Protein backbone atom coordinates (compact mmCIF):
# COMPACT_ATOMS: atom_id res chain seq x y z
CA MET A 1 -9.08 1.03 -22.08
CA PRO A 2 -5.91 1.14 -23.66
CA ASP A 3 -2.53 -0.58 -21.95
CA ARG A 4 -0.30 2.32 -22.66
CA LEU A 5 2.28 0.82 -19.94
CA SER A 6 2.32 -2.47 -21.73
CA SER A 7 2.42 -1.33 -25.13
CA THR A 8 5.29 0.78 -24.46
CA PHE A 9 7.42 -1.66 -22.38
CA GLU A 10 6.56 -4.33 -25.24
CA LYS A 11 7.61 -1.83 -28.02
CA LEU A 12 11.03 -0.94 -26.19
CA ARG A 13 11.74 -4.81 -25.59
CA THR A 14 10.98 -5.15 -29.45
CA THR A 15 13.60 -2.64 -30.40
CA ARG A 16 15.96 -3.31 -27.49
CA GLN A 17 15.72 0.07 -25.87
CA LYS A 18 15.32 1.42 -22.51
CA ALA A 19 12.69 3.48 -21.22
CA PHE A 20 13.07 7.20 -20.26
CA VAL A 21 10.70 8.58 -17.34
CA ALA A 22 10.12 12.33 -16.82
CA TYR A 23 9.08 13.78 -13.82
CA ILE A 24 7.46 16.76 -13.40
CA ALA A 25 4.94 18.51 -11.06
CA ALA A 26 1.57 18.77 -12.58
CA GLY A 27 0.43 22.59 -12.77
CA ASP A 28 4.28 23.84 -12.14
CA PRO A 29 4.88 26.71 -12.87
CA ASP A 30 0.99 27.09 -14.22
CA PHE A 31 -1.74 24.90 -15.88
CA ASP A 32 -0.67 26.20 -19.60
CA GLN A 33 3.11 25.94 -19.36
CA SER A 34 2.89 22.44 -17.24
CA LEU A 35 0.78 21.41 -20.32
CA GLU A 36 3.52 22.64 -22.73
CA ILE A 37 6.10 20.85 -20.65
CA MET A 38 4.35 17.28 -20.89
CA LYS A 39 3.87 17.76 -24.58
CA THR A 40 7.45 18.81 -25.13
CA LEU A 41 8.59 15.81 -23.21
CA ALA A 42 6.49 13.12 -25.27
CA ASP A 43 7.69 14.89 -28.48
CA LEU A 44 11.32 14.71 -27.27
CA GLY A 45 10.71 11.21 -26.86
CA ALA A 46 10.21 10.53 -23.09
CA ASP A 47 8.67 7.06 -22.84
CA ILE A 48 6.72 8.03 -19.64
CA ILE A 49 5.29 11.04 -17.78
CA GLU A 50 5.18 10.64 -14.17
CA LEU A 51 2.99 13.80 -12.95
CA GLY A 52 3.41 14.80 -9.34
CA LEU A 53 -0.17 15.79 -7.57
CA PRO A 54 0.82 18.97 -5.73
CA PHE A 55 0.67 18.47 -1.87
CA SER A 56 1.42 20.80 0.78
CA ASP A 57 3.41 18.48 2.75
CA PRO A 58 5.54 16.38 0.27
CA LEU A 59 7.98 14.88 3.08
CA ALA A 60 9.57 12.34 0.63
CA ASP A 61 10.67 15.20 -1.54
CA GLY A 62 13.62 17.27 -1.59
CA ILE A 63 13.54 20.94 -1.84
CA VAL A 64 13.43 20.93 -5.50
CA ASN A 65 10.20 19.10 -5.87
CA GLN A 66 9.05 20.85 -2.63
CA LEU A 67 9.11 24.31 -4.22
CA ALA A 68 7.77 23.14 -7.41
CA ALA A 69 4.49 21.81 -5.61
CA ASP A 70 4.35 24.91 -3.60
CA ARG A 71 4.18 26.76 -7.21
CA ALA A 72 1.87 24.71 -8.25
CA LEU A 73 -0.55 24.85 -5.42
CA ARG A 74 -0.20 28.99 -5.63
CA ALA A 75 -1.02 28.76 -9.34
CA GLY A 76 -4.29 27.32 -8.38
CA MET A 77 -3.55 23.33 -8.94
CA THR A 78 -5.86 20.98 -7.41
CA ALA A 79 -6.57 17.19 -7.73
CA PRO A 80 -9.44 17.60 -10.09
CA ARG A 81 -7.23 20.33 -12.13
CA VAL A 82 -4.54 17.46 -12.47
CA LEU A 83 -7.13 15.50 -14.19
CA ASP A 84 -8.38 18.44 -16.66
CA LEU A 85 -4.42 18.64 -17.32
CA ILE A 86 -4.48 15.07 -18.32
CA ARG A 87 -7.40 15.46 -20.30
CA LYS A 88 -5.96 18.15 -22.43
CA PHE A 89 -2.83 16.35 -22.88
CA ARG A 90 -4.51 13.49 -24.27
CA GLU A 91 -6.06 15.47 -26.96
CA THR A 92 -2.83 15.33 -28.61
CA HIS A 93 -0.68 12.89 -27.19
CA GLU A 94 -0.70 9.12 -26.18
CA THR A 95 2.45 8.91 -24.01
CA PRO A 96 1.65 6.88 -20.80
CA VAL A 97 1.07 9.05 -17.82
CA VAL A 98 1.85 7.97 -14.00
CA LEU A 99 0.46 9.90 -10.98
CA PHE A 100 2.90 10.27 -8.42
CA THR A 101 1.34 11.34 -4.93
CA TYR A 102 0.64 10.85 -1.53
CA LEU A 103 -2.16 9.31 0.03
CA ASN A 104 -3.92 12.28 1.26
CA PRO A 105 -4.89 14.27 -1.89
CA VAL A 106 -6.39 11.13 -3.06
CA PHE A 107 -8.22 10.06 -0.10
CA THR A 108 -9.62 13.49 0.52
CA TYR A 109 -10.92 13.20 -3.29
CA GLY A 110 -12.58 9.84 -2.64
CA PHE A 111 -10.14 6.77 -2.83
CA GLU A 112 -12.23 4.93 -5.44
CA ASP A 113 -13.63 7.74 -7.18
CA PHE A 114 -10.18 9.31 -7.73
CA HIS A 115 -8.93 6.00 -9.67
CA HIS A 116 -11.99 5.69 -11.61
CA ASP A 117 -11.99 9.69 -12.82
CA ALA A 118 -8.06 9.63 -13.16
CA ALA A 119 -8.39 6.70 -15.53
CA ALA A 120 -11.23 8.14 -17.09
CA ALA A 121 -9.16 11.50 -17.96
CA GLY A 122 -6.28 9.42 -19.36
CA ALA A 123 -3.74 8.41 -16.82
CA ASP A 124 -2.44 5.15 -16.75
CA GLY A 125 -0.82 4.27 -13.07
CA ILE A 126 -0.32 5.51 -9.79
CA LEU A 127 2.35 5.56 -7.22
CA LEU A 128 0.98 6.27 -3.86
CA LEU A 129 4.06 7.02 -1.59
CA ASP A 130 3.08 6.71 1.76
CA LEU A 131 0.68 3.65 1.28
CA PRO A 132 2.07 0.21 1.58
CA PRO A 133 0.23 -2.73 -0.44
CA ASP A 134 -0.24 -4.65 3.00
CA GLU A 135 -1.45 -1.83 4.77
CA ALA A 136 -3.97 -0.93 1.92
CA ALA A 137 -5.18 -4.40 2.23
CA LEU A 138 -6.30 -4.00 5.82
CA ASN A 139 -8.79 -0.89 4.88
CA SER A 140 -11.90 -1.52 2.99
CA ASP A 141 -12.03 2.31 2.02
CA LEU A 142 -8.47 1.48 0.50
CA ALA A 143 -9.23 -1.40 -1.21
CA ILE A 144 -10.68 -0.65 -4.39
CA GLY A 145 -8.44 1.28 -7.01
CA ALA A 146 -9.55 -0.04 -10.20
CA GLY A 147 -8.25 1.38 -13.43
CA LEU A 148 -4.89 2.40 -12.50
CA LYS A 149 -1.96 0.55 -12.39
CA HIS A 150 -0.25 0.41 -9.08
CA ILE A 151 3.60 1.09 -9.11
CA ARG A 152 5.88 -0.03 -6.45
CA LEU A 153 8.63 1.96 -4.68
CA ILE A 154 11.65 -0.26 -3.66
CA ALA A 155 14.56 1.25 -2.01
CA PRO A 156 18.07 -0.28 -1.39
CA THR A 157 17.43 -0.68 2.20
CA THR A 158 14.23 -2.82 1.62
CA PRO A 159 14.65 -6.30 3.18
CA PRO A 160 14.67 -9.11 1.09
CA GLU A 161 10.98 -10.70 2.16
CA ARG A 162 9.46 -7.14 1.48
CA VAL A 163 11.38 -6.64 -1.94
CA LYS A 164 9.60 -10.15 -2.64
CA LEU A 165 6.23 -8.90 -1.56
CA LEU A 166 5.96 -5.59 -3.55
CA ALA A 167 7.76 -6.59 -6.59
CA GLN A 168 4.87 -9.58 -6.89
CA SER A 169 2.33 -6.97 -6.15
CA SER A 170 3.59 -4.17 -8.68
CA GLU A 171 1.98 -3.41 -12.35
CA GLY A 172 3.29 -1.37 -14.90
CA PHE A 173 6.84 -1.10 -13.73
CA ILE A 174 8.48 -0.83 -10.53
CA TYR A 175 10.36 2.56 -9.14
CA ALA A 176 13.60 1.37 -7.99
CA LEU A 177 15.76 3.85 -5.88
CA SER A 178 19.05 4.06 -6.75
CA ARG A 179 19.94 5.51 -3.04
CA THR A 180 18.03 6.20 -0.05
CA GLY A 181 16.95 9.91 0.81
CA VAL A 182 14.69 12.37 -0.45
CA THR A 183 14.23 13.12 -4.09
CA GLY A 184 16.77 15.42 -5.56
CA ALA A 185 19.93 15.35 -8.08
CA HIS A 186 22.54 15.47 -4.93
CA GLY A 187 24.71 12.36 -4.63
CA GLY A 188 24.38 10.73 -7.81
CA PRO A 189 23.14 7.31 -8.21
CA SER A 190 24.56 4.18 -6.33
CA ALA A 191 27.14 2.04 -8.02
CA ASN A 192 24.97 -0.90 -6.75
CA ILE A 193 22.18 -0.63 -9.04
CA ALA A 194 22.84 -3.90 -10.91
CA GLU A 195 22.74 -5.94 -7.93
CA LEU A 196 19.50 -3.82 -6.73
CA VAL A 197 17.74 -4.68 -10.11
CA SER A 198 18.74 -8.23 -10.28
CA SER A 199 17.36 -8.88 -6.71
CA ILE A 200 13.80 -7.49 -7.69
CA LYS A 201 13.80 -9.27 -11.03
CA ALA A 202 14.28 -12.56 -9.25
CA HIS A 203 10.74 -11.98 -8.05
CA THR A 204 8.95 -10.49 -11.51
CA ASP A 205 8.90 -9.95 -15.14
CA VAL A 206 7.31 -6.46 -14.40
CA PRO A 207 10.04 -3.65 -15.89
CA VAL A 208 12.41 -2.26 -13.25
CA CYS A 209 13.10 1.82 -13.74
CA VAL A 210 15.72 3.30 -11.53
CA GLY A 211 15.78 6.67 -10.12
CA PHE A 212 17.12 9.33 -7.64
CA GLY A 213 20.36 11.62 -8.21
CA ILE A 214 20.04 11.34 -12.21
CA SER A 215 21.13 14.59 -13.71
CA THR A 216 23.57 13.99 -16.28
CA PRO A 217 23.81 11.88 -19.68
CA GLU A 218 26.78 9.81 -18.16
CA GLN A 219 24.58 9.08 -15.36
CA ALA A 220 21.54 7.77 -17.32
CA ALA A 221 23.74 5.77 -19.34
CA MET A 222 25.13 4.22 -16.49
CA VAL A 223 21.68 3.60 -14.98
CA ALA A 224 20.17 2.22 -18.34
CA ALA A 225 23.06 -0.08 -18.69
CA ALA A 226 21.56 -2.00 -15.56
CA ALA A 227 17.79 -1.26 -15.37
CA ASP A 228 14.81 -1.34 -17.97
CA GLY A 229 14.34 2.29 -17.71
CA VAL A 230 15.55 5.62 -16.12
CA ILE A 231 13.88 7.98 -13.97
CA VAL A 232 14.49 11.85 -13.93
CA GLY A 233 12.89 14.05 -11.76
CA SER A 234 14.41 16.84 -9.91
CA ALA A 235 16.77 17.83 -12.35
CA ILE A 236 14.24 18.29 -14.85
CA VAL A 237 11.83 20.12 -12.31
CA LYS A 238 15.14 22.45 -11.57
CA GLN A 239 15.11 23.48 -15.07
CA VAL A 240 11.20 25.12 -14.69
CA GLU A 241 12.72 27.09 -11.49
CA LEU A 242 15.49 28.12 -13.10
CA HIS A 243 13.93 29.40 -16.16
CA PRO A 244 10.29 30.76 -15.59
CA GLU A 245 10.45 32.75 -18.71
CA ASN A 246 10.48 29.77 -20.82
CA PRO A 247 10.51 26.44 -19.04
CA ALA A 248 9.33 24.38 -21.77
CA ALA A 249 12.44 25.34 -24.14
CA ALA A 250 14.94 24.83 -21.03
CA VAL A 251 13.48 21.37 -20.33
CA ARG A 252 13.73 20.55 -24.05
CA ASP A 253 17.45 21.81 -23.90
CA PHE A 254 18.43 19.98 -20.81
CA THR A 255 16.27 16.57 -21.37
CA ALA A 256 17.27 16.05 -25.08
CA PRO A 257 20.97 14.82 -24.13
CA LEU A 258 19.62 12.44 -21.23
CA ILE A 259 17.28 11.01 -23.43
CA ALA A 260 19.75 10.25 -26.68
CA ALA A 261 21.92 8.68 -23.55
CA VAL A 262 19.24 6.18 -22.61
CA LYS A 263 18.50 5.51 -26.09
CA ALA A 264 21.81 4.64 -27.03
CA SER A 265 21.79 2.04 -24.27
CA ARG A 266 20.86 -1.39 -25.77
CA ARG A 267 19.59 -4.73 -24.13
């Protein structure tokens, strides 16, 4: 099975570029348009696509992503349909796909089965928002998760000893939060990103990508200067909400300047 995440970051290191990671909700506003948005982002030059698994109670998400999950659920998206979406994407594109999800839908599907089936469909990694690695180790039902790289989330308020634990157990890349709170473009990224990234890199060689509050090319460039990659989610998802008549085109027009700003930042 190809290691698309490692290959992507190795290529970026070779070309001295930073990663652009784009988040969208799988199936928003429907299956076909979501697939078109994925392809559009990949063709634009997004290095990784984070695909949110629609869930009825996304407590760590702000209103923009909550509404996106609701639109996707109303359009009939389920965990198996998300895997179908990845399979269709893989027919034409090799851009890495990371699943962004809560434990509930994965546990309901079957923890081990989901990892196996998602990897077979073409997913590369998974970020389980509400499953800390030390808690997973205490439950045999959650111990077997082969096939997908496990992305860890680290916040500015994470205690130093826990930063070390999460950093050393992370695979693929680390999702570092630029600030506390729920997802959303409000507030903007913190000015202390370089310090946060440095504290994480003291414990690992895994790339550190930073998200939360990034919605302009200027903010993307600022974050890219301090991190290995920039994650933009709610600001992209908002384009789907605002332009239901042609969401892929709206996402393209909005995201292109962000990607350009990140790619202009060199190591």
